[in-house]
Amino acid sequence: MSSSSNGSFKTPLGRVRGLGAAKGGTHHWWMQRVTGIALIPLAGFFLFNLDKLIHPVYSSMMMFLAEPPVTIALILFILCAYYHAFLGIQVIIEDYVHGTLAKNSLLMFNKFFFLALTVCAIYATLLIGFNFADYASAQG
């Protein structure tokens, strides 16, 4: 059996296993697929209720969004959509940005940007949910 140039008797697969980007790539790939699949019924729910979302009366639309199941579905949609987008942009940066400093800076910016966007969107959703739930109970 021949040895490699470094004196090891490992096969090429044995030398590569556990090294490089491949050790974390499957999790990233799976999360992209799971969030994509989760977005199908969530987007379908909001498309099915589109008439309530584009209601000409502002308070009617806000009261619909304030219903607890709708608020929960909207938060789940925000989490899935923003994480899915974060992962997609991360892949684009990793594939097409070649400078180490630029790549690391953009990856860090990507994380902070989507984290801030997610927190703001969930905060706004909770404000709608809590404020208009009181408004709806006072009206009805």
Foldseek 3Di string as FASTA:
>chain_A
DDDDPVRDPDDPCVVCPPDDPVVPVVVLVVLLVVLVVVLVVLVVVCVVVVCQCVPPDPLSNLLVLLPVVNLVSQLSNLVSVLVNVLSVVLVVLVVPPDDPVVSVVVNVVSVVVSVVVSVVSNVVSVCSNVVSVVVVVVVD
